[in-house]
Amino acid sequence: ISMDNAKNTAILRMKILKSEDTGNYYCWVGVWDYSTR
């Protein structure tokens, strides 16, 4: 897993995939919200 230089995109590189890797993949981001603090 990596972030781009702007740190706004997450890249997941998967290799040697197996049948057990089958599924729905969800991205998640944790943020600091300026308005709600």
All heavy atoms as atom14 arrays in JSON, in Angstrom:
{
  "sequence": "ISMDNAKNTAILRMKILKSEDTGNYYCWVGVWDYSTR",
  "atom14_mask": [
    [1, 1, 1, 1, 1, 1, 1, 1, 0, 0, 0, 0, 0, 0],
    [1, 1, 1, 1, 1, 1, 0, 0, 0, 0, 0, 0, 0, 0],
    [1, 1, 1, 1, 1, 1, 1, 1, 0, 0, 0, 0, 0, 0],
    [1, 1, 1, 1, 1, 1, 1, 1, 0, 0, 0, 0, 0, 0],
    [1, 1, 1, 1, 1, 1, 1, 1, 0, 0, 0, 0, 0, 0],
    [1, 1, 1, 1, 1, 0, 0, 0, 0, 0, 0, 0, 0, 0],
    [1, 1, 1, 1, 1, 1, 1, 1, 1, 0, 0, 0, 0, 0],
    [1, 1, 1, 1, 1, 1, 1, 1, 0, 0, 0, 0, 0, 0],
    [1, 1, 1, 1, 1, 1, 1, 0, 0, 0, 0, 0, 0, 0],
    [1, 1, 1, 1, 1, 0, 0, 0, 0, 0, 0, 0, 0, 0],
    [1, 1, 1, 1, 1, 1, 1, 1, 0, 0, 0, 0, 0, 0],
    [1, 1, 1, 1, 1, 1, 1, 1, 0, 0, 0, 0, 0, 0],
    [1, 1, 1, 1, 1, 1, 1, 1, 1, 1, 1, 0, 0, 0],
    [1, 1, 1, 1, 1, 1, 1, 1, 0, 0, 0, 0, 0, 0],
    [1, 1, 1, 1, 1, 1, 1, 1, 1, 0, 0, 0, 0, 0],
    [1, 1, 1, 1, 1, 1, 1, 1, 0, 0, 0, 0, 0, 0],
    [1, 1, 1, 1, 1, 1, 1, 1, 0, 0, 0, 0, 0, 0],
    [1, 1, 1, 1, 1, 1, 1, 1, 1, 0, 0, 0, 0, 0],
    [1, 1, 1, 1, 1, 1, 0, 0, 0, 0, 0, 0, 0, 0],
    [1, 1, 1, 1, 1, 1, 1, 1, 1, 0, 0, 0, 0, 0],
    [1, 1, 1, 1, 1, 1, 1, 1, 0, 0, 0, 0, 0, 0],
    [1, 1, 1, 1, 1, 1, 1, 0, 0, 0, 0, 0, 0, 0],
    [1, 1, 1, 1, 0, 0, 0, 0, 0, 0, 0, 0, 0, 0],
    [1, 1, 1, 1, 1, 1, 1, 1, 0, 0, 0, 0, 0, 0],
    [1, 1, 1, 1, 1, 1, 1, 1, 1, 1, 1, 1, 0, 0],
    [1, 1, 1, 1, 1, 1, 1, 1, 1, 1, 1, 1, 0, 0],
    [1, 1, 1, 1, 1, 1, 0, 0, 0, 0, 0, 0, 0, 0],
    [1, 1, 1, 1, 1, 1, 1, 1, 1, 1, 1, 1, 1, 1],
    [1, 1, 1, 1, 1, 1, 1, 0, 0, 0, 0, 0, 0, 0],
    [1, 1, 1, 1, 0, 0, 0, 0, 0, 0, 0, 0, 0, 0],
    [1, 1, 1, 1, 1, 1, 1, 0, 0, 0, 0, 0, 0, 0],
    [1, 1, 1, 1, 1, 1, 1, 1, 1, 1, 1, 1, 1, 1],
    [1, 1, 1, 1, 1, 1, 1, 1, 0, 0, 0, 0, 0, 0],
    [1, 1, 1, 1, 1, 1, 1, 1, 1, 1, 1, 1, 0, 0],
    [1, 1, 1, 1, 1, 1, 0, 0, 0, 0, 0, 0, 0, 0],
    [1, 1, 1, 1, 1, 1, 1, 0, 0, 0, 0, 0, 0, 0],
    [1, 1, 1, 1, 1, 1, 1, 1, 1, 1, 1, 0, 0, 0]
  ],
  "atom14_positions": [
    [[0.84, -1.18, 0.0], [0.0, 0.0, 0.0], [0.88, 1.23, 0.0], [1.96, 1.24, 0.6], [-0.97, 0.01, 1.2], [-2.0, 1.13, 1.05], [-0.22, 0.12, 2.52], [-3.15, 1.05, 2.05], [0.0, 0.0, 0.0], [0.0, 0.0, 0.0], [0.0, 0.0, 0.0], [0.0, 0.0, 0.0], [0.0, 0.0, 0.0], [0.0, 0.0, 0.0]],
    [[0.44, 2.27, -0.68], [1.21, 3.5, -0.76], [0.27, 4.67, -0.97], [-0.89, 4.5, -1.33], [2.24, 3.44, -1.9], [1.59, 3.3, -3.15], [0.0, 0.0, 0.0], [0.0, 0.0, 0.0], [0.0, 0.0, 0.0], [0.0, 0.0, 0.0], [0.0, 0.0, 0.0], [0.0, 0.0, 0.0], [0.0, 0.0, 0.0], [0.0, 0.0, 0.0]],
    [[0.79, 5.87, -0.73], [0.09, 7.1, -1.04], [0.85, 7.83, -2.13], [2.07, 7.7, -2.24], [-0.01, 8.01, 0.18], [-1.08, 7.65, 1.18], [-1.23, 8.95, 2.44], [-2.59, 8.3, 3.41], [0.0, 0.0, 0.0], [0.0, 0.0, 0.0], [0.0, 0.0, 0.0], [0.0, 0.0, 0.0], [0.0, 0.0, 0.0], [0.0, 0.0, 0.0]],
    [[0.12, 8.6, -2.92], [0.8, 9.4, -3.92], [1.46, 10.6, -3.24], [1.32, 10.81, -2.04], [-0.16, 9.84, -5.03], [-1.23, 10.82, -4.56], [-1.25, 11.19, -3.37], [-2.05, 11.23, -5.41], [0.0, 0.0, 0.0], [0.0, 0.0, 0.0], [0.0, 0.0, 0.0], [0.0, 0.0, 0.0], [0.0, 0.0, 0.0], [0.0, 0.0, 0.0]],
    [[2.19, 11.38, -4.03], [2.94, 12.5, -3.46], [2.05, 13.55, -2.83], [2.45, 14.21, -1.86], [3.83, 13.14, -4.53], [4.97, 12.24, -4.96], [5.4, 11.37, -4.2], [5.47, 12.45, -6.16], [0.0, 0.0, 0.0], [0.0, 0.0, 0.0], [0.0, 0.0, 0.0], [0.0, 0.0, 0.0], [0.0, 0.0, 0.0], [0.0, 0.0, 0.0]],
    [[0.87, 13.72, -3.37], [-0.08, 14.67, -2.81], [-0.82, 14.13, -1.6], [-1.56, 14.87, -0.95], [-1.09, 15.09, -3.88], [0.0, 0.0, 0.0], [0.0, 0.0, 0.0], [0.0, 0.0, 0.0], [0.0, 0.0, 0.0], [0.0, 0.0, 0.0], [0.0, 0.0, 0.0], [0.0, 0.0, 0.0], [0.0, 0.0, 0.0], [0.0, 0.0, 0.0]],
    [[-0.63, 12.85, -1.32], [-1.25, 12.19, -0.17], [-2.76, 12.28, -0.19], [-3.41, 12.46, 0.85], [-0.68, 12.74, 1.13], [0.81, 12.53, 1.3], [1.27, 12.92, 2.68], [2.78, 12.79, 2.82], [3.24, 11.4, 2.58], [0.0, 0.0, 0.0], [0.0, 0.0, 0.0], [0.0, 0.0, 0.0], [0.0, 0.0, 0.0], [0.0, 0.0, 0.0]],
    [[-3.32, 12.15, -1.38], [-4.77, 12.13, -1.5], [-5.28, 10.86, -2.17], [-6.49, 10.7, -2.36], [-5.27, 13.36, -2.26], [-4.74, 13.43, -3.68], [-4.02, 12.55, -4.14], [-5.1, 14.5, -4.38], [0.0, 0.0, 0.0], [0.0, 0.0, 0.0], [0.0, 0.0, 0.0], [0.0, 0.0, 0.0], [0.0, 0.0, 0.0], [0.0, 0.0, 0.0]],
    [[-4.39, 9.96, -2.52], [-4.76, 8.72, -3.17], [-4.01, 7.56, -2.55], [-2.79, 7.64, -2.35], [-4.45, 8.77, -4.68], [-5.16, 9.86, -5.28], [-4.85, 7.47, -5.37], [0.0, 0.0, 0.0], [0.0, 0.0, 0.0], [0.0, 0.0, 0.0], [0.0, 0.0, 0.0], [0.0, 0.0, 0.0], [0.0, 0.0, 0.0], [0.0, 0.0, 0.0]],
    [[-4.71, 6.5, -2.25], [-4.11, 5.28, -1.73], [-4.11, 4.22, -2.82], [-5.15, 3.98, -3.45], [-4.85, 4.78, -0.5], [0.0, 0.0, 0.0], [0.0, 0.0, 0.0], [0.0, 0.0, 0.0], [0.0, 0.0, 0.0], [0.0, 0.0, 0.0], [0.0, 0.0, 0.0], [0.0, 0.0, 0.0], [0.0, 0.0, 0.0], [0.0, 0.0, 0.0]],
    [[-2.97, 3.6, -3.01], [-2.81, 2.56, -4.02], [-2.55, 1.23, -3.31], [-1.64, 1.13, -2.49], [-1.66, 2.86, -4.98], [-1.83, 4.24, -5.62], [-1.55, 1.76, -6.03], [-3.06, 4.36, -6.48], [0.0, 0.0, 0.0], [0.0, 0.0, 0.0], [0.0, 0.0, 0.0], [0.0, 0.0, 0.0], [0.0, 0.0, 0.0], [0.0, 0.0, 0.0]],
    [[-3.34, 0.24, -3.64], [-3.13, -1.11, -3.15], [-2.71, -1.98, -4.33], [-3.49, -2.18, -5.26], [-4.39, -1.68, -2.5], [-4.27, -3.1, -1.93], [-3.36, -3.11, -0.7], [-5.64, -3.67, -1.58], [0.0, 0.0, 0.0], [0.0, 0.0, 0.0], [0.0, 0.0, 0.0], [0.0, 0.0, 0.0], [0.0, 0.0, 0.0], [0.0, 0.0, 0.0]],
    [[-1.49, -2.47, -4.28], [-0.98, -3.35, -5.32], [-1.01, -4.77, -4.79], [-0.4, -5.07, -3.77], [0.43, -2.94, -5.73], [0.51, -1.58, -6.41], [1.94, -1.2, -6.77], [1.99, 0.02, -7.58], [2.04, 1.24, -7.07], [2.05, 1.43, -5.75], [2.07, 2.3, -7.88], [0.0, 0.0, 0.0], [0.0, 0.0, 0.0], [0.0, 0.0, 0.0]],
    [[-1.7, -5.63, -5.5], [-1.88, -7.01, -5.11], [-1.28, -7.91, -6.18], [-1.56, -7.75, -7.36], [-3.36, -7.34, -4.92], [-4.07, -6.44, -3.92], [-5.8, -6.93, -3.66], [-6.5, -6.49, -5.26], [0.0, 0.0, 0.0], [0.0, 0.0, 0.0], [0.0, 0.0, 0.0], [0.0, 0.0, 0.0], [0.0, 0.0, 0.0], [0.0, 0.0, 0.0]],
    [[-0.48, -8.86, -5.75], [0.08, -9.83, -6.67], [-0.08, -11.24, -6.11], [-0.4, -11.42, -4.94], [1.55, -9.53, -6.96], [2.47, -9.62, -5.76], [3.91, -9.32, -6.14], [4.85, -9.47, -4.96], [6.26, -9.17, -5.34], [0.0, 0.0, 0.0], [0.0, 0.0, 0.0], [0.0, 0.0, 0.0], [0.0, 0.0, 0.0], [0.0, 0.0, 0.0]],
    [[0.15, -12.2, -6.97], [-0.02, -13.61, -6.62], [-1.39, -13.8, -5.96], [-1.51, -14.4, -4.89], [1.11, -14.13, -5.71], [2.47, -13.59, -6.16], [1.15, -15.66, -5.72], [3.62, -13.98, -5.27], [0.0, 0.0, 0.0], [0.0, 0.0, 0.0], [0.0, 0.0, 0.0], [0.0, 0.0, 0.0], [0.0, 0.0, 0.0], [0.0, 0.0, 0.0]],
    [[-2.39, -13.31, -6.61], [-3.73, -13.37, -6.06], [-4.22, -14.81, -5.97], [-3.9, -15.65, -6.81], [-4.69, -12.54, -6.91], [-4.56, -11.03, -6.7], [-5.21, -10.27, -7.84], [-5.19, -10.63, -5.37], [0.0, 0.0, 0.0], [0.0, 0.0, 0.0], [0.0, 0.0, 0.0], [0.0, 0.0, 0.0], [0.0, 0.0, 0.0], [0.0, 0.0, 0.0]],
    [[-5.0, -15.06, -4.93], [-5.55, -16.38, -4.67], [-7.07, -16.3, -4.65], [-7.64, -15.22, -4.5], [-5.05, -16.91, -3.32], [-3.54, -16.9, -3.16], [-3.15, -17.28, -1.74], [-1.64, -17.25, -1.56], [-1.24, -17.61, -0.17], [0.0, 0.0, 0.0], [0.0, 0.0, 0.0], [0.0, 0.0, 0.0], [0.0, 0.0, 0.0], [0.0, 0.0, 0.0]],
    [[-7.7, -17.44, -4.77], [-9.16, -17.47, -4.73], [-9.68, -16.92, -3.4], [-10.76, -16.32, -3.37], [-9.68, -18.89, -4.95], [-9.21, -19.77, -3.95], [0.0, 0.0, 0.0], [0.0, 0.0, 0.0], [0.0, 0.0, 0.0], [0.0, 0.0, 0.0], [0.0, 0.0, 0.0], [0.0, 0.0, 0.0], [0.0, 0.0, 0.0], [0.0, 0.0, 0.0]],
    [[-8.91, -17.09, -2.33], [-9.31, -16.58, -1.03], [-9.32, -15.07, -0.96], [-9.86, -14.5, -0.01], [-8.37, -17.12, 0.06], [-8.23, -18.62, 0.08], [-7.02, -19.1, -0.67], [-7.09, -19.18, -1.92], [-5.98, -19.39, -0.02], [0.0, 0.0, 0.0], [0.0, 0.0, 0.0], [0.0, 0.0, 0.0], [0.0, 0.0, 0.0], [0.0, 0.0, 0.0]],
    [[-8.72, -14.41, -1.95], [-8.73, -12.95, -1.99], [-10.02, -12.39, -2.57], [-10.21, -11.17, -2.58], [-7.54, -12.44, -2.81], [-6.21, -12.79, -2.19], [-6.07, -12.69, -0.96], [-5.29, -13.18, -2.95], [0.0, 0.0, 0.0], [0.0, 0.0, 0.0], [0.0, 0.0, 0.0], [0.0, 0.0, 0.0], [0.0, 0.0, 0.0], [0.0, 0.0, 0.0]],
    [[-10.87, -13.25, -3.06], [-12.13, -12.81, -3.63], [-12.99, -12.09, -2.6], [-13.13, -12.55, -1.46], [-12.9, -14.0, -4.21], [-12.17, -14.54, -5.32], [-14.29, -13.58, -4.7], [0.0, 0.0, 0.0], [0.0, 0.0, 0.0], [0.0, 0.0, 0.0], [0.0, 0.0, 0.0], [0.0, 0.0, 0.0], [0.0, 0.0, 0.0], [0.0, 0.0, 0.0]],
    [[-13.57, -10.97, -2.98], [-14.44, -10.24, -2.08], [-14.68, -8.83, -2.58], [-14.18, -8.42, -3.63], [0.0, 0.0, 0.0], [0.0, 0.0, 0.0], [0.0, 0.0, 0.0], [0.0, 0.0, 0.0], [0.0, 0.0, 0.0], [0.0, 0.0, 0.0], [0.0, 0.0, 0.0], [0.0, 0.0, 0.0], [0.0, 0.0, 0.0], [0.0, 0.0, 0.0]],
    [[-15.45, -8.11, -1.8], [-15.7, -6.71, -2.07], [-14.67, -5.89, -1.28], [-14.55, -6.05, -0.06], [-17.11, -6.32, -1.66], [-17.63, -5.1, -2.39], [-17.07, -4.67, -3.39], [-18.72, -4.53, -1.9], [0.0, 0.0, 0.0], [0.0, 0.0, 0.0], [0.0, 0.0, 0.0], [0.0, 0.0, 0.0], [0.0, 0.0, 0.0], [0.0, 0.0, 0.0]],
    [[-13.94, -5.05, -1.97], [-12.87, -4.27, -1.35], [-13.34, -2.83, -1.16], [-13.8, -2.18, -2.09], [-11.61, -4.31, -2.21], [-10.85, -5.61, -2.08], [-11.41, -6.81, -2.52], [-9.59, -5.65, -1.5], [-10.73, -8.01, -2.38], [-8.9, -6.84, -1.37], [-9.47, -8.01, -1.81], [-8.78, -9.2, -1.67], [0.0, 0.0, 0.0], [0.0, 0.0, 0.0]],
    [[-13.18, -2.33, 0.07], [-13.64, -1.0, 0.44], [-12.47, -0.11, 0.82], [-11.62, -0.5, 1.62], [-14.59, -1.07, 1.64], [-15.86, -1.84, 1.41], [-15.92, -3.2, 1.63], [-17.02, -1.19, 0.99], [-17.09, -3.91, 1.42], [-18.19, -1.88, 0.79], [-18.22, -3.24, 1.01], [-19.39, -3.95, 0.82], [0.0, 0.0, 0.0], [0.0, 0.0, 0.0]],
    [[-12.47, 1.07, 0.25], [-11.5, 2.08, 0.67], [-12.02, 2.79, 1.91], [-13.22, 3.0, 2.07], [-11.27, 3.09, -0.45], [-10.11, 4.4, -0.04], [0.0, 0.0, 0.0], [0.0, 0.0, 0.0], [0.0, 0.0, 0.0], [0.0, 0.0, 0.0], [0.0, 0.0, 0.0], [0.0, 0.0, 0.0], [0.0, 0.0, 0.0], [0.0, 0.0, 0.0]],
    [[-11.1, 3.17, 2.78], [-11.44, 3.92, 3.99], [-10.44, 5.06, 4.16], [-9.26, 4.9, 3.88], [-11.4, 3.0, 5.21], [-11.61, 3.72, 6.52], [-12.79, 3.97, 7.13], [-10.59, 4.26, 7.37], [-12.58, 4.64, 8.31], [-11.24, 4.83, 8.49], [-9.2, 4.31, 7.31], [-10.55, 5.45, 9.52], [-8.5, 4.93, 8.34], [-9.18, 5.48, 9.43]],
    [[-10.95, 6.19, 4.61], [-10.07, 7.32, 4.9], [-10.45, 7.92, 6.25], [-11.63, 8.12, 6.54], [-10.14, 8.39, 3.79], [-11.56, 8.91, 3.58], [-9.18, 9.53, 4.1], [0.0, 0.0, 0.0], [0.0, 0.0, 0.0], [0.0, 0.0, 0.0], [0.0, 0.0, 0.0], [0.0, 0.0, 0.0], [0.0, 0.0, 0.0], [0.0, 0.0, 0.0]],
    [[-9.45, 8.15, 7.07], [-9.64, 8.84, 8.33], [-9.16, 10.27, 8.18], [-8.06, 10.51, 7.69], [0.0, 0.0, 0.0], [0.0, 0.0, 0.0], [0.0, 0.0, 0.0], [0.0, 0.0, 0.0], [0.0, 0.0, 0.0], [0.0, 0.0, 0.0], [0.0, 0.0, 0.0], [0.0, 0.0, 0.0], [0.0, 0.0, 0.0], [0.0, 0.0, 0.0]],
    [[-9.99, 11.21, 8.59], [-9.69, 12.62, 8.37], [-9.89, 13.44, 9.64], [-10.61, 13.04, 10.55], [-10.56, 13.22, 7.24], [-10.45, 12.41, 5.97], [-12.02, 13.33, 7.69], [0.0, 0.0, 0.0], [0.0, 0.0, 0.0], [0.0, 0.0, 0.0], [0.0, 0.0, 0.0], [0.0, 0.0, 0.0], [0.0, 0.0, 0.0], [0.0, 0.0, 0.0]],
    [[-9.24, 14.6, 9.67], [-9.53, 15.62, 10.64], [-10.45, 16.61, 9.97], [-10.09, 17.23, 8.96], [-8.25, 16.3, 11.12], [-8.5, 17.5, 11.99], [-8.42, 18.8, 11.62], [-8.86, 17.49, 13.37], [-8.72, 19.61, 12.68], [-8.99, 18.84, 13.78], [-9.08, 16.48, 14.3], [-9.34, 19.19, 15.08], [-9.43, 16.82, 15.59], [-9.55, 18.16, 15.97]],
    [[-11.64, 16.75, 10.52], [-12.65, 17.64, 9.97], [-12.47, 19.02, 10.58], [-12.59, 19.19, 11.79], [-14.05, 17.09, 10.26], [-15.15, 17.84, 9.53], [-15.19, 19.07, 9.62], [-15.98, 17.17, 8.88], [0.0, 0.0, 0.0], [0.0, 0.0, 0.0], [0.0, 0.0, 0.0], [0.0, 0.0, 0.0], [0.0, 0.0, 0.0], [0.0, 0.0, 0.0]],
    [[-12.2, 20.01, 9.73], [-11.95, 21.36, 10.23], [-13.18, 22.0, 10.87], [-13.05, 22.74, 11.85], [-11.46, 22.26, 9.1], [-10.15, 21.85, 8.48], [-9.93, 22.02, 7.11], [-9.12, 21.32, 9.25], [-8.74, 21.66, 6.54], [-7.93, 20.94, 8.68], [-7.73, 21.12, 7.32], [-6.53, 20.76, 6.74], [0.0, 0.0, 0.0], [0.0, 0.0, 0.0]],
    [[-14.35, 21.7, 10.34], [-15.56, 22.35, 10.84], [-16.01, 21.76, 12.18], [-16.42, 22.5, 13.08], [-16.68, 22.26, 9.81], [-17.06, 20.92, 9.57], [0.0, 0.0, 0.0], [0.0, 0.0, 0.0], [0.0, 0.0, 0.0], [0.0, 0.0, 0.0], [0.0, 0.0, 0.0], [0.0, 0.0, 0.0], [0.0, 0.0, 0.0], [0.0, 0.0, 0.0]],
    [[-15.98, 20.44, 12.29], [-16.4, 19.8, 13.54], [-15.26, 19.67, 14.53], [-15.5, 19.37, 15.71], [-16.98, 18.41, 13.27], [-15.96, 17.57, 12.7], [-18.15, 18.49, 12.3], [0.0, 0.0, 0.0], [0.0, 0.0, 0.0], [0.0, 0.0, 0.0], [0.0, 0.0, 0.0], [0.0, 0.0, 0.0], [0.0, 0.0, 0.0], [0.0, 0.0, 0.0]],
    [[-14.04, 19.86, 14.06], [-12.85, 19.76, 14.9], [-12.77, 18.41, 15.59], [-12.56, 18.3, 16.8], [-12.81, 20.91, 15.92], [-12.86, 22.28, 15.26], [-12.96, 23.39, 16.28], [-11.73, 23.56, 17.03], [-11.55, 24.47, 17.98], [-12.54, 25.3, 18.3], [-10.4, 24.55, 18.62], [0.0, 0.0, 0.0], [0.0, 0.0, 0.0], [0.0, 0.0, 0.0]]
  ]
}
